[in-house]
Amino acid sequence: MKNNIKVNLKELEYILTNFLKPIKKKSIEIVLDEESIENIRDLALNKLETHGFDENYDLNNEGNILQSLIDKLYR
């Protein structure tokens, strides 16, 4: 059974830091409106360009995370 709840960013950060990390939950499902998806995707694309590659232009650790996130936001 799934329930959608609306939390603010401070509440989300608190949940992630205090509840999910200690139980080592590997993923959570979040619901975003289209505008939020577009904003996050644009920010992730910009961050990928500036921080996502090593000196050989291969994806670094942050780049791999960003690319995965971007792929999910294009669905």
C-alpha atoms as a PDB file:
ATOM      1  CA  MET A   1       0.000   0.000   0.000  1.00  0.00           C
ATOM      2  CA  LYS A   2       1.383   3.415  -0.984  1.00  0.00           C
ATOM      3  CA  ASN A   3       0.459   6.748   0.508  1.00  0.00           C
ATOM      4  CA  ASN A   4       1.495  10.104  -0.884  1.00  0.00           C
ATOM      5  CA  ILE A   5       2.365  12.759   1.651  1.00  0.00           C
ATOM      6  CA  LYS A   6       3.502  16.310   1.072  1.00  0.00           C
ATOM      7  CA  VAL A   7       6.559  17.446   3.029  1.00  0.00           C
ATOM      8  CA  ASN A   8       8.640  20.590   2.830  1.00  0.00           C
ATOM      9  CA  LEU A   9      12.349  20.481   2.052  1.00  0.00           C
ATOM     10  CA  LYS A  10      13.443  20.673   5.688  1.00  0.00           C
ATOM     11  CA  GLU A  11      11.178  17.767   6.547  1.00  0.00           C
ATOM     12  CA  LEU A  12      12.490  15.744   3.600  1.00  0.00           C
ATOM     13  CA  GLU A  13      16.081  16.426   4.594  1.00  0.00           C
ATOM     14  CA  TYR A  14      15.283  15.377   8.149  1.00  0.00           C
ATOM     15  CA  ILE A  15      13.651  12.147   6.987  1.00  0.00           C
ATOM     16  CA  LEU A  16      16.591  11.313   4.722  1.00  0.00           C
ATOM     17  CA  THR A  17      19.200  12.100   7.360  1.00  0.00           C
ATOM     18  CA  ASN A  18      17.566  10.650  10.438  1.00  0.00           C
ATOM     19  CA  PHE A  19      15.302   7.855   9.330  1.00  0.00           C
ATOM     20  CA  LEU A  20      16.304   6.416   5.966  1.00  0.00           C
ATOM     21  CA  LYS A  21      20.096   6.418   6.307  1.00  0.00           C
ATOM     22  CA  PRO A  22      20.090   4.490   9.592  1.00  0.00           C
ATOM     23  CA  ILE A  23      17.957   1.714   8.096  1.00  0.00           C
ATOM     24  CA  LYS A  24      19.990   1.810   4.875  1.00  0.00           C
ATOM     25  CA  LYS A  25      16.987   2.133   2.608  1.00  0.00           C
ATOM     26  CA  LYS A  26      18.317   2.037  -0.936  1.00  0.00           C
ATOM     27  CA  SER A  27      15.562   4.007  -2.639  1.00  0.00           C
ATOM     28  CA  ILE A  28      12.368   5.900  -2.038  1.00  0.00           C
ATOM     29  CA  GLU A  29       9.612   6.959  -4.369  1.00  0.00           C
ATOM     30  CA  ILE A  30       8.869  10.659  -4.601  1.00  0.00           C
ATOM     31  CA  VAL A  31       6.100  12.473  -6.440  1.00  0.00           C
ATOM     32  CA  LEU A  32       6.984  15.722  -8.217  1.00  0.00           C
ATOM     33  CA  ASP A  33       4.925  18.067 -10.325  1.00  0.00           C
ATOM     34  CA  GLU A  34       6.048  18.761 -13.894  1.00  0.00           C
ATOM     35  CA  GLU A  35       7.521  22.157 -13.034  1.00  0.00           C
ATOM     36  CA  SER A  36       9.677  20.672 -10.275  1.00  0.00           C
ATOM     37  CA  ILE A  37      10.827  17.872 -12.569  1.00  0.00           C
ATOM     38  CA  GLU A  38      11.867  20.388 -15.229  1.00  0.00           C
ATOM     39  CA  ASN A  39      13.666  22.593 -12.688  1.00  0.00           C
ATOM     40  CA  ILE A  40      15.570  19.707 -11.123  1.00  0.00           C
ATOM     41  CA  ARG A  41      16.443  18.301 -14.535  1.00  0.00           C
ATOM     42  CA  ASP A  42      17.809  21.676 -15.709  1.00  0.00           C
ATOM     43  CA  LEU A  43      19.833  22.099 -12.515  1.00  0.00           C
ATOM     44  CA  ALA A  44      21.185  18.553 -12.800  1.00  0.00           C
ATOM     45  CA  LEU A  45      22.170  19.086 -16.439  1.00  0.00           C
ATOM     46  CA  ASN A  46      24.035  22.284 -15.540  1.00  0.00           C
ATOM     47  CA  LYS A  47      25.772  20.608 -12.609  1.00  0.00           C
ATOM     48  CA  LEU A  48      26.722  17.664 -14.830  1.00  0.00           C
ATOM     49  CA  GLU A  49      28.446  20.023 -17.249  1.00  0.00           C
ATOM     50  CA  THR A  50      30.508  21.713 -14.530  1.00  0.00           C
ATOM     51  CA  HIS A  51      31.142  18.925 -12.004  1.00  0.00           C
ATOM     52  CA  GLY A  52      30.323  15.613 -13.661  1.00  0.00           C
ATOM     53  CA  PHE A  53      33.487  14.785 -15.592  1.00  0.00           C
ATOM     54  CA  ASP A  54      37.093  13.994 -14.763  1.00  0.00           C
ATOM     55  CA  GLU A  55      40.167  15.302 -16.595  1.00  0.00           C
ATOM     56  CA  ASN A  56      39.659  12.659 -19.327  1.00  0.00           C
ATOM     57  CA  TYR A  57      36.031  13.727 -19.840  1.00  0.00           C
ATOM     58  CA  ASP A  58      34.771  10.470 -18.352  1.00  0.00           C
ATOM     59  CA  LEU A  59      31.887  10.599 -15.892  1.00  0.00           C
ATOM     60  CA  ASN A  60      33.131  10.853 -12.321  1.00  0.00           C
ATOM     61  CA  ASN A  61      31.179   9.631  -9.283  1.00  0.00           C
ATOM     62  CA  GLU A  62      29.041  12.780  -9.107  1.00  0.00           C
ATOM     63  CA  GLY A  63      28.532  12.631 -12.869  1.00  0.00           C
ATOM     64  CA  ASN A  64      27.236   9.064 -12.673  1.00  0.00           C
ATOM     65  CA  ILE A  65      24.721  10.072 -10.004  1.00  0.00           C
ATOM     66  CA  LEU A  66      23.628  13.133 -11.962  1.00  0.00           C
ATOM     67  CA  GLN A  67      23.295  11.167 -15.214  1.00  0.00           C
ATOM     68  CA  SER A  68      21.163   8.543 -13.507  1.00  0.00           C
ATOM     69  CA  LEU A  69      18.952  11.234 -12.018  1.00  0.00           C
ATOM     70  CA  ILE A  70      18.629  13.046 -15.355  1.00  0.00           C
ATOM     71  CA  ASP A  71      17.633   9.788 -17.068  1.00  0.00           C
ATOM     72  CA  LYS A  72      14.887   9.236 -14.494  1.00  0.00           C
ATOM     73  CA  LEU A  73      13.618  12.796 -14.893  1.00  0.00           C
ATOM     74  CA  TYR A  74      13.201  12.361 -18.672  1.00  0.00           C
ATOM     75  CA  ARG A  75      10.694   9.506 -18.344  1.00  0.00           C
END
